[in-house]
Amino acid sequence: MNNINKWCLAFVLVLSIPTLSSAQKTTKYKCMVQMTNYVGEGAYIAVSLIDAKGTYEKTLYVMGSDKKWYPDLKEWHKAYKKKPVNISGITGASVTGGDRSVTILDIDDTKVNKGYKLRFETAVEDNKYYVKDLEIPLTTEGLAAKTEGTGYIRYVRLSPN
């Protein structure tokens, strides 16, 4: 390898060190959502990262892929419209009454035990809307617990994947 190639390689490596060291470490969690036995269409569920002040920070997953129903998830949609991002990689099917869904959530490790929470917001066509069907404190204990819902979700259980 000649000297110019060596210098170019060294330069590229030096430039990439800050990027590598500042990369956020995330943990993948298997997220199992068990629905209640409600009657009606499939529920749309937005799973969001909420900061300590109650502000939406990031969409982690959306169960329901037909965008025409997103406005039914009122609070999530309001935040999503302010900062639209491509969510096609984090969407899946809606979930009907009595069914369960298993997805994978990427959770930024720097948010754990810092006052954040996961919010599960639900809506069903021609039925009630739940802005906080359930919220999971983003703590070591919260991530290990089974959390009961208040609307269409019976419970959610997370486990490291």
Protein backbone atom coordinates (compact mmCIF):
# COMPACT_ATOMS: atom_id res chain seq x y z
CA MET A 1 0.00 0.00 0.00
CA ASN A 2 1.52 3.32 -0.98
CA ASN A 3 1.82 6.29 1.38
CA ILE A 4 -1.09 8.25 -0.11
CA ASN A 5 -3.48 5.33 0.42
CA LYS A 6 -2.22 4.87 3.99
CA TRP A 7 -2.78 8.57 4.76
CA CYS A 8 -6.27 8.50 3.24
CA LEU A 9 -7.20 5.42 5.25
CA ALA A 10 -5.83 6.96 8.45
CA PHE A 11 -7.75 10.19 7.76
CA VAL A 12 -11.04 8.32 7.25
CA LEU A 13 -10.51 6.31 10.44
CA VAL A 14 -9.76 9.43 12.48
CA LEU A 15 -12.88 11.15 11.15
CA SER A 16 -15.06 8.16 12.05
CA ILE A 17 -13.91 7.86 15.69
CA PRO A 18 -16.20 10.64 17.04
CA THR A 19 -19.12 9.13 15.15
CA LEU A 20 -18.48 5.69 16.57
CA SER A 21 -18.03 6.90 20.13
CA SER A 22 -21.13 9.11 20.09
CA ALA A 23 -23.41 6.45 18.62
CA GLN A 24 -26.35 5.72 20.87
CA LYS A 25 -26.55 2.24 22.29
CA THR A 26 -29.99 0.74 22.07
CA THR A 27 -31.47 -2.45 23.42
CA LYS A 28 -34.05 -4.41 21.48
CA TYR A 29 -37.09 -5.41 23.52
CA LYS A 30 -39.69 -7.93 22.52
CA CYS A 31 -43.03 -6.19 23.13
CA MET A 32 -46.07 -8.41 23.59
CA VAL A 33 -49.43 -6.60 23.53
CA GLN A 34 -52.46 -8.60 24.69
CA MET A 35 -55.78 -7.00 23.75
CA THR A 36 -59.05 -7.11 25.68
CA ASN A 37 -62.03 -8.91 24.15
CA TYR A 38 -63.64 -5.73 22.79
CA VAL A 39 -66.04 -5.79 19.82
CA GLY A 40 -65.13 -3.73 16.78
CA GLU A 41 -62.49 -3.10 14.16
CA GLY A 42 -58.77 -3.58 14.72
CA ALA A 43 -57.15 -1.13 17.12
CA TYR A 44 -54.53 1.30 15.93
CA ILE A 45 -51.78 1.63 18.52
CA ALA A 46 -48.99 4.20 18.59
CA VAL A 47 -46.06 3.37 20.88
CA SER A 48 -44.16 6.55 21.69
CA LEU A 49 -41.23 7.66 23.79
CA ILE A 50 -42.40 10.44 26.13
CA ASP A 51 -39.92 12.66 27.98
CA ALA A 52 -40.07 13.65 31.65
CA LYS A 53 -42.16 16.74 30.79
CA GLY A 54 -44.80 14.66 28.98
CA THR A 55 -43.67 15.69 25.48
CA TYR A 56 -43.57 13.25 22.57
CA GLU A 57 -39.96 12.58 21.64
CA LYS A 58 -40.07 9.66 19.23
CA THR A 59 -42.40 7.13 17.62
CA LEU A 60 -41.18 3.62 18.39
CA TYR A 61 -43.89 1.61 16.62
CA VAL A 62 -47.33 2.00 15.03
CA MET A 63 -49.72 -0.94 14.84
CA GLY A 64 -51.92 -0.12 11.87
CA SER A 65 -50.49 0.76 8.49
CA ASP A 66 -53.36 2.61 6.76
CA LYS A 67 -52.40 6.28 7.06
CA LYS A 68 -55.99 7.48 6.70
CA TRP A 69 -56.65 6.32 10.30
CA TYR A 70 -53.61 8.02 11.86
CA PRO A 71 -55.58 11.19 12.77
CA ASP A 72 -57.69 8.98 15.09
CA LEU A 73 -54.58 8.68 17.29
CA LYS A 74 -55.07 12.35 18.11
CA GLU A 75 -52.16 13.26 20.39
CA TRP A 76 -49.64 11.10 18.58
CA HIS A 77 -50.77 12.42 15.20
CA LYS A 78 -50.46 16.01 16.39
CA ALA A 79 -46.83 15.37 17.39
CA TYR A 80 -46.15 13.35 14.22
CA LYS A 81 -47.42 16.17 12.00
CA LYS A 82 -45.08 18.67 13.70
CA LYS A 83 -42.02 16.50 12.97
CA PRO A 84 -42.96 14.00 10.24
CA VAL A 85 -40.53 11.13 9.85
CA ASN A 86 -40.57 8.01 7.73
CA ILE A 87 -42.28 5.40 9.89
CA SER A 88 -42.65 2.72 7.20
CA GLY A 89 -40.02 0.54 8.92
CA ILE A 90 -41.85 0.65 12.25
CA THR A 91 -45.43 -0.09 11.25
CA GLY A 92 -47.43 -3.29 11.34
CA ALA A 93 -50.96 -4.61 11.33
CA SER A 94 -53.66 -3.31 13.64
CA VAL A 95 -54.70 -5.67 16.44
CA THR A 96 -58.26 -6.92 16.97
CA GLY A 97 -60.10 -7.73 20.18
CA GLY A 98 -58.70 -10.72 22.07
CA ASP A 99 -55.62 -10.98 19.85
CA ARG A 100 -52.02 -10.40 20.73
CA SER A 101 -49.19 -8.81 18.83
CA VAL A 102 -45.46 -9.27 19.27
CA THR A 103 -43.11 -6.61 17.90
CA ILE A 104 -39.57 -5.45 18.55
CA LEU A 105 -38.88 -2.00 20.03
CA ASP A 106 -35.45 -0.33 19.95
CA ILE A 107 -35.02 1.61 23.17
CA ASP A 108 -32.18 4.08 23.66
CA ASP A 109 -30.32 2.97 26.80
CA THR A 110 -29.55 6.59 27.77
CA LYS A 111 -33.29 7.20 28.34
CA VAL A 112 -33.70 4.44 30.94
CA ASN A 113 -34.07 5.66 34.55
CA LYS A 114 -34.17 9.30 33.36
CA GLY A 115 -37.90 10.06 33.74
CA TYR A 116 -39.00 8.83 30.30
CA LYS A 117 -41.94 6.53 29.64
CA LEU A 118 -43.46 4.50 26.84
CA ARG A 119 -46.99 5.56 25.92
CA PHE A 120 -49.42 3.19 24.19
CA GLU A 121 -52.15 5.30 22.58
CA THR A 122 -55.12 3.43 21.06
CA ALA A 123 -58.04 4.13 18.75
CA VAL A 124 -60.71 1.92 17.22
CA GLU A 125 -63.01 3.05 14.42
CA ASP A 126 -66.37 4.30 15.76
CA ASN A 127 -65.27 3.57 19.35
CA LYS A 128 -63.56 5.36 22.21
CA TYR A 129 -60.05 6.82 21.92
CA TYR A 130 -57.47 6.32 24.71
CA VAL A 131 -54.58 8.79 24.72
CA LYS A 132 -52.96 6.82 27.57
CA ASP A 133 -54.27 3.28 27.23
CA LEU A 134 -51.16 2.47 29.20
CA GLU A 135 -47.82 4.01 30.06
CA ILE A 136 -44.72 2.15 31.10
CA PRO A 137 -42.12 4.02 33.15
CA LEU A 138 -38.83 3.67 31.29
CA THR A 139 -37.06 2.28 34.34
CA THR A 140 -35.31 -0.98 34.99
CA GLU A 141 -38.35 -2.11 37.01
CA GLY A 142 -40.89 -0.79 34.49
CA LEU A 143 -39.24 -2.61 31.60
CA ALA A 144 -39.37 -5.89 33.55
CA ALA A 145 -43.00 -5.58 34.74
CA LYS A 146 -46.29 -6.62 33.19
CA THR A 147 -48.30 -3.40 32.75
CA GLU A 148 -52.11 -3.37 32.66
CA GLY A 149 -53.99 -1.26 30.11
CA THR A 150 -57.06 0.90 30.69
CA GLY A 151 -58.78 0.60 27.32
CA TYR A 152 -58.37 -1.86 24.46
CA ILE A 153 -55.06 -3.20 25.77
CA ARG A 154 -55.32 -5.84 28.50
CA TYR A 155 -51.57 -5.74 29.23
CA VAL A 156 -48.11 -5.25 27.76
CA ARG A 157 -45.02 -7.23 28.68
CA LEU A 158 -41.49 -6.31 27.54
CA SER A 159 -38.43 -8.56 27.56
CA PRO A 160 -34.90 -7.98 26.25
CA ASN A 161 -34.52 -9.63 22.89
